[in-house]
């Protein structure tokens, strides 16, 4: 199929150079001197609340420009939207915060008209700043407002391209979020002597006493009645296991992590199976605070109800996943015999994959294995049923799992996760959809274990 020669050329990932007149240089130098001599504004002491927090957007130009790139603190990565108006980018601060300033660092494709808005629920928004005469570049905007969610709603583009931000920064006084009944008090957590202090919480709704909630790591095995804490040392790669009932009970699950001397990287995972409800909350010495895992509603219900909701939510081919290793686990489809060679659903993905030039076994698509091991974008697109869509839509979560064939096992865990972030298959981190968290200066990590 021919394409129009008048279509706009794709822009490189770095901003285009701009020419400057001699007068412009003089003005810029004078402005720089003025800034250098001006006392620091009052907001200098405010904390950067948005860096590393979960971010979503109305669209992305491609998977190379995800929403998360605008809040990652890396000046060389950016979010870029589809080439249309309006567009939005929002960040979840994790709890309601006072907002005192918003920083915008635009790429060449900037918005001339936009609003800054806050919300407590990501559905009802309050505008705290509005302009129709923006000129791009780097902006530092004093604002007054509060909310858990902060977004920029861009309504008019300055160029033929989309809206693109190198960084979207939200500042405020910060502080530890208000006490949450689910997480309980954090004031009694002792300081870590090693890399990070881990506290395990019993959230089985009375099904198991603390004496029957066990954790194990690196040869240590304890119930949380005898030892609810682990002063975790730095480690190259590890898992922490949790068992209910007995130390070797078939009711178990785990979290994964890599911990450096001054950094925590980790995640909950449903890549292999669901065994127990898990959620983790990381808090750092610079007041970064983030949580991932199953959401509150899922923790609140009985295990049998979760199994039944899974059965009710997924298509017929996936219902077997609750039975193969039930009642202990809901296994991932790539591990179930019905989706493997010779099984009833062995060709579940075959026609769809071949339509985009991929010849791979259904189990390898679910597991991003064999020929797909080195192609994360392709594997993610197949699992999410967006492989035939333009690249910009493949990075848009609103397009995921809309039709079969798709990984409806993964969809269920996203639908029941905090901020809809989950590891439902190995490359679920494409477009920043996984439950992976990472930050320096870790202080403590809470792990909630549910039934």
Protein backbone atom coordinates (compact mmCIF):
# COMPACT_ATOMS: atom_id res chain seq x y z
CA UNK A 1 0.00 0.00 0.00
CA UNK A 2 1.35 3.41 -0.94
CA UNK A 3 1.71 6.12 1.67
CA UNK A 4 1.40 9.82 1.08
CA UNK A 5 4.66 11.65 0.40
CA UNK A 6 3.11 14.60 2.24
CA UNK A 7 2.99 12.76 5.56
CA UNK A 8 5.08 14.43 8.28
CA UNK A 9 8.52 12.91 8.75
CA UNK A 10 9.10 11.04 11.97
CA UNK A 11 11.06 13.13 14.44
CA UNK A 12 14.23 11.87 16.12
CA UNK A 13 14.15 11.25 19.86
CA UNK A 14 16.26 14.31 20.57
CA UNK A 15 15.01 17.84 20.08
CA UNK A 16 15.92 19.62 16.86
CA UNK A 17 18.56 22.32 17.10
CA UNK A 18 17.31 25.90 17.10
CA UNK A 19 19.10 28.81 15.44
CA UNK A 20 19.75 31.89 17.54
CA UNK A 21 20.38 35.49 16.46
CA UNK A 22 23.12 37.53 18.08
CA UNK A 23 20.47 39.61 19.82
CA UNK A 24 18.85 36.44 21.13
CA UNK A 25 22.15 35.31 22.60
CA UNK A 26 22.64 38.62 24.37
CA UNK A 27 19.13 38.47 25.82
CA UNK A 28 19.68 34.89 26.94
CA UNK A 29 22.96 35.77 28.65
CA UNK A 30 21.41 38.74 30.43
CA UNK A 31 18.52 36.57 31.56
CA UNK A 32 20.90 33.93 32.86
CA UNK A 33 22.83 36.56 34.85
CA UNK A 34 19.58 37.89 36.29
CA UNK A 35 18.51 34.41 37.37
CA UNK A 36 21.91 33.77 38.93
CA UNK A 37 21.65 36.96 41.01
CA UNK A 38 18.02 36.42 42.04
CA UNK A 39 17.47 34.83 45.47
CA UNK A 40 16.11 31.27 45.41
CA UNK A 41 12.30 31.19 45.51
CA UNK A 42 10.39 29.83 48.48
CA UNK A 43 9.52 26.61 46.64
CA UNK A 44 13.16 25.49 46.52
CA UNK A 45 12.63 23.46 49.70
CA UNK A 46 9.63 21.58 48.29
CA UNK A 47 9.97 17.91 47.44
CA UNK A 48 9.69 16.39 43.98
CA UNK A 49 6.63 14.17 44.45
CA UNK A 50 6.16 12.79 40.95
CA UNK A 51 9.46 11.14 40.08
CA UNK A 52 9.10 7.41 39.58
CA UNK A 53 5.38 7.44 40.32
CA UNK A 54 2.90 5.55 38.09
CA UNK A 55 2.04 7.65 35.03
CA UNK A 56 -0.57 7.17 32.32
CA UNK A 57 -1.51 9.08 29.20
CA UNK A 58 -4.32 9.44 26.69
CA UNK A 59 -1.99 8.08 23.99
CA UNK A 60 1.63 7.61 23.01
CA UNK A 61 3.35 8.14 19.69
CA UNK A 62 4.95 4.70 20.09
CA UNK A 63 6.29 2.39 22.78
CA UNK A 64 9.55 4.37 22.66
CA UNK A 65 7.80 7.36 24.27
CA UNK A 66 5.77 6.04 27.23
CA UNK A 67 4.08 8.14 29.88
CA UNK A 68 6.56 6.90 32.47
CA UNK A 69 9.41 8.60 30.59
CA UNK A 70 8.10 12.02 31.67
CA UNK A 71 8.45 11.19 35.38
CA UNK A 72 11.61 9.05 35.39
CA UNK A 73 14.05 11.87 36.14
CA UNK A 74 16.02 11.11 32.97
CA UNK A 75 16.45 14.24 30.81
CA UNK A 76 17.06 12.07 27.76
CA UNK A 77 13.70 10.26 27.72
CA UNK A 78 10.29 11.72 26.99
CA UNK A 79 6.58 11.11 26.59
CA UNK A 80 5.12 11.88 23.18
CA UNK A 81 1.44 11.66 22.28
CA UNK A 82 -0.41 10.81 19.11
CA UNK A 83 -0.63 13.65 16.57
CA UNK A 84 -4.04 14.97 17.64
CA UNK A 85 -5.78 17.19 20.21
CA UNK A 86 -6.66 16.96 23.05
CA UNK A 87 -4.17 14.80 24.97
CA UNK A 88 -3.40 14.29 28.65
CA UNK A 89 -0.66 12.96 30.88
CA UNK A 90 -1.28 12.18 34.54
CA UNK A 91 0.75 10.97 37.49
CA UNK A 92 -0.47 9.16 40.61
CA UNK A 93 1.24 10.53 43.73
CA UNK A 94 0.00 7.59 45.82
CA UNK A 95 -1.92 9.73 48.32
CA UNK A 96 -3.47 13.19 48.51
CA UNK A 97 -0.69 15.78 48.56
CA UNK A 98 -0.47 19.57 48.65
CA UNK A 99 0.77 20.85 45.28
CA UNK A 100 2.86 24.05 45.22
CA UNK A 101 4.62 23.95 41.86
CA UNK A 102 4.58 22.11 38.53
CA UNK A 103 7.61 21.95 36.26
CA UNK A 104 7.27 21.31 32.53
CA UNK A 105 10.19 20.65 30.22
CA UNK A 106 8.82 20.55 26.70
CA UNK A 107 10.34 18.94 23.66
CA UNK A 108 10.00 20.90 20.39
CA UNK A 109 6.41 19.61 20.10
CA UNK A 110 4.78 21.65 22.86
CA UNK A 111 1.25 22.76 23.75
CA UNK A 112 0.16 26.36 23.34
CA UNK A 113 -2.97 25.75 25.41
CA UNK A 114 -3.25 23.47 28.41
CA UNK A 115 -4.63 23.11 31.92
CA UNK A 116 -3.04 21.66 35.05
CA UNK A 117 -5.58 19.70 37.07
CA UNK A 118 -5.78 17.72 40.31
CA UNK A 119 -8.09 14.95 41.47
CA UNK A 120 -8.60 12.60 44.39
CA UNK A 121 -10.12 9.83 42.26
CA UNK A 122 -8.80 10.32 38.68
CA UNK A 123 -12.32 11.04 37.42
CA UNK A 124 -13.39 14.44 38.83
CA UNK A 125 -10.83 17.17 38.11
CA UNK A 126 -10.11 20.64 39.49
CA UNK A 127 -8.16 23.10 37.34
CA UNK A 128 -5.33 24.85 39.21
CA UNK A 129 -3.66 26.52 36.22
CA UNK A 130 -4.72 27.36 32.67
CA UNK A 131 -3.12 29.08 29.67
CA UNK A 132 -3.76 29.55 25.96
CA UNK A 133 -0.49 31.37 25.19
CA UNK A 134 2.25 28.96 26.26
CA UNK A 135 5.56 29.13 24.41
CA UNK A 136 7.14 25.77 25.29
CA UNK A 137 10.65 25.43 26.67
CA UNK A 138 11.11 24.93 30.40
CA UNK A 139 8.39 26.24 32.68
CA UNK A 140 8.20 26.40 36.47
CA UNK A 141 4.64 27.24 37.49
CA UNK A 142 3.65 28.17 41.06
CA UNK A 143 0.23 26.64 41.81
CA UNK A 144 -2.05 26.04 44.77
CA UNK A 145 -4.03 22.85 45.05
CA UNK A 146 -4.17 19.31 46.38
CA UNK A 147 -4.86 15.86 45.02
CA UNK A 148 -3.57 12.36 44.59
CA UNK A 149 -3.61 12.63 40.80
CA UNK A 150 -2.12 15.52 38.85
CA UNK A 151 -2.45 15.87 35.10
CA UNK A 152 -1.76 18.19 32.23
CA UNK A 153 -4.63 18.43 29.76
CA UNK A 154 -3.20 19.77 26.49
CA UNK A 155 -5.82 21.17 24.12
CA UNK A 156 -3.83 22.88 21.34
CA UNK A 157 -0.56 21.86 19.67
CA UNK A 158 2.11 24.25 18.49
CA UNK A 159 3.28 21.88 15.73
CA UNK A 160 1.93 19.24 13.38
CA UNK A 161 3.20 16.58 15.78
CA UNK A 162 1.76 15.61 19.16
CA UNK A 163 2.50 16.89 22.65
CA UNK A 164 5.84 15.86 24.10
CA UNK A 165 7.41 16.38 27.54
CA UNK A 166 10.91 15.48 28.61
CA UNK A 167 9.83 15.92 32.24
CA UNK A 168 6.57 16.51 34.11
CA UNK A 169 7.45 17.46 37.69
CA UNK A 170 5.03 17.95 40.58
CA UNK A 171 6.32 19.56 43.77
CA UNK A 172 4.91 19.95 47.25
CA UNK A 173 5.83 19.80 50.94
CA UNK A 174 5.48 16.00 50.88
CA UNK A 175 5.71 13.97 54.05
CA UNK A 176 4.55 10.50 54.96
CA UNK A 177 1.05 9.76 53.63
CA UNK A 178 -1.75 9.59 56.22
CA UNK A 179 -2.02 6.31 58.09
CA UNK A 180 -3.89 3.71 56.11
CA UNK A 181 -5.86 1.03 57.96
CA UNK A 182 -4.67 -1.51 55.41
CA UNK A 183 -0.97 -0.79 55.96
CA UNK A 184 -1.26 0.15 59.62
CA UNK A 185 1.16 2.33 61.53
CA UNK A 186 4.69 2.71 60.21
CA UNK A 187 6.07 4.72 63.12
CA UNK A 188 7.33 1.61 64.94
CA UNK A 189 9.40 0.20 62.07
CA UNK A 190 13.01 0.02 63.29
CA UNK A 191 15.78 1.54 61.15
CA UNK A 192 17.64 -0.85 58.87
CA UNK A 193 21.23 -1.78 59.57
CA UNK A 194 21.50 -3.29 56.10
CA UNK A 195 19.86 -2.13 52.86
CA UNK A 196 16.15 -1.95 53.76
CA UNK A 197 13.87 -2.98 56.63
CA UNK A 198 11.08 -5.34 55.54
CA UNK A 199 7.91 -5.82 57.59
CA UNK A 200 5.41 -8.58 56.78
CA UNK A 201 1.72 -7.95 57.48
CA UNK A 202 -1.07 -10.48 58.04
CA UNK A 203 -3.98 -9.42 55.83
CA UNK A 204 -5.81 -12.77 55.70
CA UNK A 205 -8.95 -11.27 57.29
CA UNK A 206 -8.76 -13.61 60.28
CA UNK A 207 -8.31 -16.80 58.26
CA UNK A 208 -4.83 -17.39 59.70
CA UNK A 209 -3.26 -16.09 62.94
CA UNK A 210 0.16 -14.46 62.86
CA UNK A 211 1.64 -17.73 64.12
CA UNK A 212 0.59 -19.38 60.83
CA UNK A 213 1.80 -16.69 58.42
CA UNK A 214 5.36 -17.65 57.46
CA UNK A 215 8.08 -15.96 55.47
CA UNK A 216 11.39 -17.35 54.24
CA UNK A 217 14.47 -15.74 52.76
CA UNK A 218 18.01 -16.99 52.26
CA UNK A 219 17.63 -19.90 54.69
CA UNK A 220 15.66 -18.00 57.33
CA UNK A 221 12.13 -19.22 58.10
CA UNK A 222 9.87 -17.46 60.62
CA UNK A 223 6.25 -16.85 61.41
CA UNK A 224 5.42 -13.18 61.75
CA UNK A 225 4.31 -13.89 65.34
CA UNK A 226 7.94 -14.59 66.22
CA UNK A 227 9.63 -12.26 63.74
CA UNK A 228 7.68 -9.81 61.55
CA UNK A 229 10.85 -8.04 60.31
CA UNK A 230 13.71 -8.83 57.96
CA UNK A 231 16.68 -6.46 57.85
CA UNK A 232 17.38 -7.22 54.20
CA UNK A 233 20.98 -7.12 53.02
CA UNK A 234 22.06 -6.18 49.52
CA UNK A 235 21.60 -9.11 47.14
CA UNK A 236 22.04 -9.67 43.42
CA UNK A 237 18.67 -11.35 42.90
CA UNK A 238 16.29 -12.92 45.32
CA UNK A 239 12.84 -14.10 46.24
CA UNK A 240 11.02 -13.87 49.52
CA UNK A 241 8.44 -16.62 49.99
CA UNK A 242 5.25 -16.57 52.05
CA UNK A 243 3.30 -19.62 53.25
CA UNK A 244 0.00 -19.87 55.11
CA UNK A 245 -0.71 -22.59 57.66
CA UNK A 246 2.69 -24.28 57.81
CA UNK A 247 6.21 -23.32 56.66
CA UNK A 248 5.91 -25.65 53.64
CA UNK A 249 2.19 -25.26 52.92
CA UNK A 250 1.03 -25.52 49.28
CA UNK A 251 -0.64 -22.15 49.85
CA UNK A 252 2.33 -19.94 49.00
CA UNK A 253 3.59 -17.10 46.83
CA UNK A 254 6.62 -14.82 46.54
CA UNK A 255 7.97 -11.41 45.61
CA UNK A 256 11.14 -10.79 43.56
CA UNK A 257 13.84 -8.20 44.08
CA UNK A 258 17.37 -7.03 43.48
CA UNK A 259 18.67 -4.90 46.33
CA UNK A 260 21.80 -2.78 46.18
CA UNK A 261 23.50 -0.94 49.01
CA UNK A 262 21.38 2.11 48.28
CA UNK A 263 18.61 1.02 45.92
CA UNK A 264 15.60 -1.30 45.88
CA UNK A 265 14.29 -2.93 42.71
CA UNK A 266 11.42 -5.37 43.02
CA UNK A 267 7.95 -6.48 42.07
CA UNK A 268 5.02 -8.71 42.77
CA UNK A 269 4.46 -11.21 39.98
CA UNK A 270 1.70 -13.25 38.37
CA UNK A 271 3.95 -14.45 35.54
CA UNK A 272 3.88 -18.06 36.78
CA UNK A 273 0.70 -18.18 38.84
CA UNK A 274 -1.47 -16.63 41.52
CA UNK A 275 -0.94 -18.29 44.89
CA UNK A 276 -1.68 -15.69 47.55
CA UNK A 277 -2.82 -12.08 47.46
CA UNK A 278 0.25 -9.88 47.81
CA UNK A 279 0.88 -6.15 47.91
CA UNK A 280 4.06 -4.23 48.70
CA UNK A 281 4.67 -0.64 49.73
CA UNK A 282 8.11 0.94 49.42
CA UNK A 283 9.02 4.06 51.38
CA UNK A 284 12.35 5.84 50.96
CA UNK A 285 14.37 8.32 52.97
CA UNK A 286 13.47 11.11 50.52
CA UNK A 287 9.73 10.45 51.12
CA UNK A 288 9.07 8.58 47.90
CA UNK A 289 6.19 6.22 48.66
CA UNK A 290 4.67 3.69 46.24
CA UNK A 291 2.55 0.56 46.44
CA UNK A 292 1.83 -2.25 43.97
CA UNK A 293 0.04 -5.59 44.02
CA UNK A 294 -3.56 -6.71 44.43
CA UNK A 295 -5.98 -3.91 45.24
CA UNK A 296 -7.95 -3.43 48.45
CA UNK A 297 -11.17 -4.91 47.08
CA UNK A 298 -9.39 -8.14 46.16
CA UNK A 299 -7.75 -8.38 49.58
CA UNK A 300 -11.11 -7.83 51.27
CA UNK A 301 -12.85 -10.79 49.64
CA UNK A 302 -12.48 -14.47 50.44
CA UNK A 303 -10.17 -16.59 48.32
CA UNK A 304 -13.09 -18.60 46.95
CA UNK A 305 -14.69 -15.37 45.75
CA UNK A 306 -11.50 -14.40 43.90
CA UNK A 307 -11.36 -17.80 42.19
CA UNK A 308 -15.01 -17.49 41.21
CA UNK A 309 -14.58 -13.95 39.87
CA UNK A 310 -11.68 -15.14 37.75
CA UNK A 311 -13.81 -17.96 36.34
CA UNK A 312 -16.66 -15.55 35.61
CA UNK A 313 -14.38 -12.92 34.02
CA UNK A 314 -12.38 -14.99 31.54
CA UNK A 315 -13.43 -16.73 28.29
CA UNK A 316 -14.09 -20.47 28.23
CA UNK A 317 -10.53 -21.42 27.23
CA UNK A 318 -9.11 -19.84 30.41
CA UNK A 319 -11.54 -21.23 33.00
CA UNK A 320 -9.43 -24.39 33.36
CA UNK A 321 -6.64 -22.33 34.95
CA UNK A 322 -8.43 -22.34 38.31
CA UNK A 323 -8.69 -26.15 38.27
CA UNK A 324 -5.30 -27.43 37.06
CA UNK A 325 -3.60 -26.71 40.40
CA UNK A 326 -6.67 -25.61 42.35
CA UNK A 327 -7.43 -24.76 45.06
CA UNK A 328 -3.82 -23.74 45.62
CA UNK A 329 -3.03 -21.73 42.50
CA UNK A 330 -4.44 -20.13 39.39
CA UNK A 331 -1.68 -20.90 36.92
CA UNK A 332 -0.60 -18.82 33.94
CA UNK A 333 -1.94 -20.11 30.60
CA UNK A 334 1.51 -20.84 29.18
CA UNK A 335 2.00 -23.46 31.89
CA UNK A 336 -1.34 -25.18 31.42
CA UNK A 337 -1.37 -28.39 29.32
CA UNK A 338 -4.43 -27.21 27.40
CA UNK A 339 -2.42 -24.36 25.81
CA UNK A 340 0.66 -26.46 25.09
CA UNK A 341 1.41 -28.78 22.16
CA UNK A 342 -1.32 -31.38 21.82
CA UNK A 343 -3.70 -29.51 24.12
CA UNK A 344 -7.21 -28.38 23.26
CA UNK A 345 -6.09 -24.73 23.02
CA UNK A 346 -2.64 -25.27 21.52
CA UNK A 347 -3.55 -23.14 18.47
CA UNK A 348 -5.22 -20.35 20.44
CA UNK A 349 -2.83 -17.66 19.14
CA UNK A 350 -1.73 -19.30 15.88
CA UNK A 351 -3.81 -17.45 13.27
CA UNK A 352 -3.51 -14.07 14.96
CA UNK A 353 0.25 -14.38 15.35
CA UNK A 354 0.69 -15.48 11.75
CA UNK A 355 -1.33 -12.47 10.58
CA UNK A 356 1.55 -10.26 11.77
CA UNK A 357 4.29 -12.59 10.56
CA UNK A 358 4.97 -14.43 13.82
CA UNK A 359 5.27 -18.21 13.83
CA UNK A 360 5.37 -19.22 17.48
CA UNK A 361 3.66 -21.73 19.72
CA UNK A 362 0.78 -20.41 21.81
CA UNK A 363 2.60 -21.35 25.02
CA UNK A 364 5.68 -19.41 23.84
CA UNK A 365 3.55 -16.34 23.16
CA UNK A 366 2.09 -16.46 26.67
CA UNK A 367 5.60 -17.01 28.06
CA UNK A 368 7.49 -14.68 25.68
CA UNK A 369 9.83 -17.60 25.05
CA UNK A 370 11.79 -19.17 22.17
CA UNK A 371 11.78 -16.80 19.15
CA UNK A 372 9.93 -14.11 21.14
CA UNK A 373 12.43 -13.96 23.99
CA UNK A 374 14.31 -11.14 22.30
CA UNK A 375 11.25 -9.24 21.07
CA UNK A 376 9.45 -7.73 24.07
CA UNK A 377 7.30 -5.28 22.07
CA UNK A 378 6.03 -8.01 19.75
CA UNK A 379 5.28 -10.43 22.56
CA UNK A 380 3.48 -7.76 24.60
CA UNK A 381 1.42 -6.70 21.58
CA UNK A 382 0.31 -10.29 20.93
CA UNK A 383 -0.67 -10.89 24.56
CA UNK A 384 -2.63 -7.62 24.63
CA UNK A 385 -4.20 -8.12 21.17
CA UNK A 386 -2.81 -4.89 19.74
CA UNK A 387 -0.30 -6.40 17.29
CA UNK A 388 -2.26 -5.23 14.23
CA UNK A 389 -2.68 -1.67 15.51
CA UNK A 390 -0.37 1.29 14.73
CA UNK A 391 2.63 1.57 17.03
CA UNK A 392 1.13 4.59 18.82
CA UNK A 393 -1.92 2.56 19.86
CA UNK A 394 0.15 -0.44 20.94
CA UNK A 395 1.41 1.68 23.84
CA UNK A 396 -2.10 2.83 24.84
CA UNK A 397 -3.54 0.73 27.72
CA UNK A 398 -7.06 1.72 26.67
CA UNK A 399 -6.62 -0.52 23.61
CA UNK A 400 -5.55 -3.65 25.50
CA UNK A 401 -7.51 -6.91 25.72
CA UNK A 402 -10.43 -5.63 23.65
CA UNK A 403 -10.75 -8.78 21.54
CA UNK A 404 -9.63 -12.40 21.38
CA UNK A 405 -7.14 -13.93 21.20
CA UNK A 406 -5.57 -12.22 24.18
CA UNK A 407 -4.04 -13.07 27.54
CA UNK A 408 -7.19 -12.80 29.63
CA UNK A 409 -5.32 -14.25 32.61
CA UNK A 410 -3.08 -11.16 32.60
CA UNK A 411 -6.08 -8.88 32.05
CA UNK A 412 -7.74 -10.17 35.22
CA UNK A 413 -4.72 -9.35 37.38
CA UNK A 414 -4.43 -5.88 35.86
CA UNK A 415 -8.11 -5.26 36.51
CA UNK A 416 -7.62 -6.21 40.17
CA UNK A 417 -4.30 -4.48 40.84
CA UNK A 418 -3.36 -1.18 42.43
CA UNK A 419 -3.34 1.37 39.59
CA UNK A 420 -3.97 -1.59 37.24
CA UNK A 421 -0.24 -2.39 37.22
CA UNK A 422 0.67 -6.09 37.25
CA UNK A 423 3.14 -8.62 35.88
CA UNK A 424 0.77 -10.93 34.01
CA UNK A 425 3.39 -12.19 31.53
CA UNK A 426 7.18 -11.80 31.24
CA UNK A 427 7.22 -8.63 29.12
CA UNK A 428 4.32 -6.90 30.85
CA UNK A 429 6.71 -4.04 31.63
CA UNK A 430 6.40 -2.85 28.01
CA UNK A 431 4.63 0.54 28.11
CA UNK A 432 5.21 0.64 31.90
CA UNK A 433 2.31 -1.66 32.78
CA UNK A 434 4.08 -3.93 35.27
CA UNK A 435 4.23 -3.89 39.06
CA UNK A 436 7.98 -3.20 39.07
CA UNK A 437 9.16 -0.50 41.49
CA UNK A 438 12.62 0.98 41.86
CA UNK A 439 14.09 3.78 43.94
CA UNK A 440 17.24 4.81 45.74
CA UNK A 441 17.55 5.45 49.49
CA UNK A 442 15.06 2.74 50.57
CA UNK A 443 13.91 3.03 54.18
CA UNK A 444 11.31 0.30 54.63
CA UNK A 445 9.22 -2.15 52.64
CA UNK A 446 5.84 -3.45 53.77
CA UNK A 447 4.57 -6.76 52.38
CA UNK A 448 0.88 -7.56 52.88
CA UNK A 449 -0.02 -11.26 52.65
CA UNK A 450 -3.66 -12.09 52.00
CA UNK A 451 -5.90 -15.11 51.62
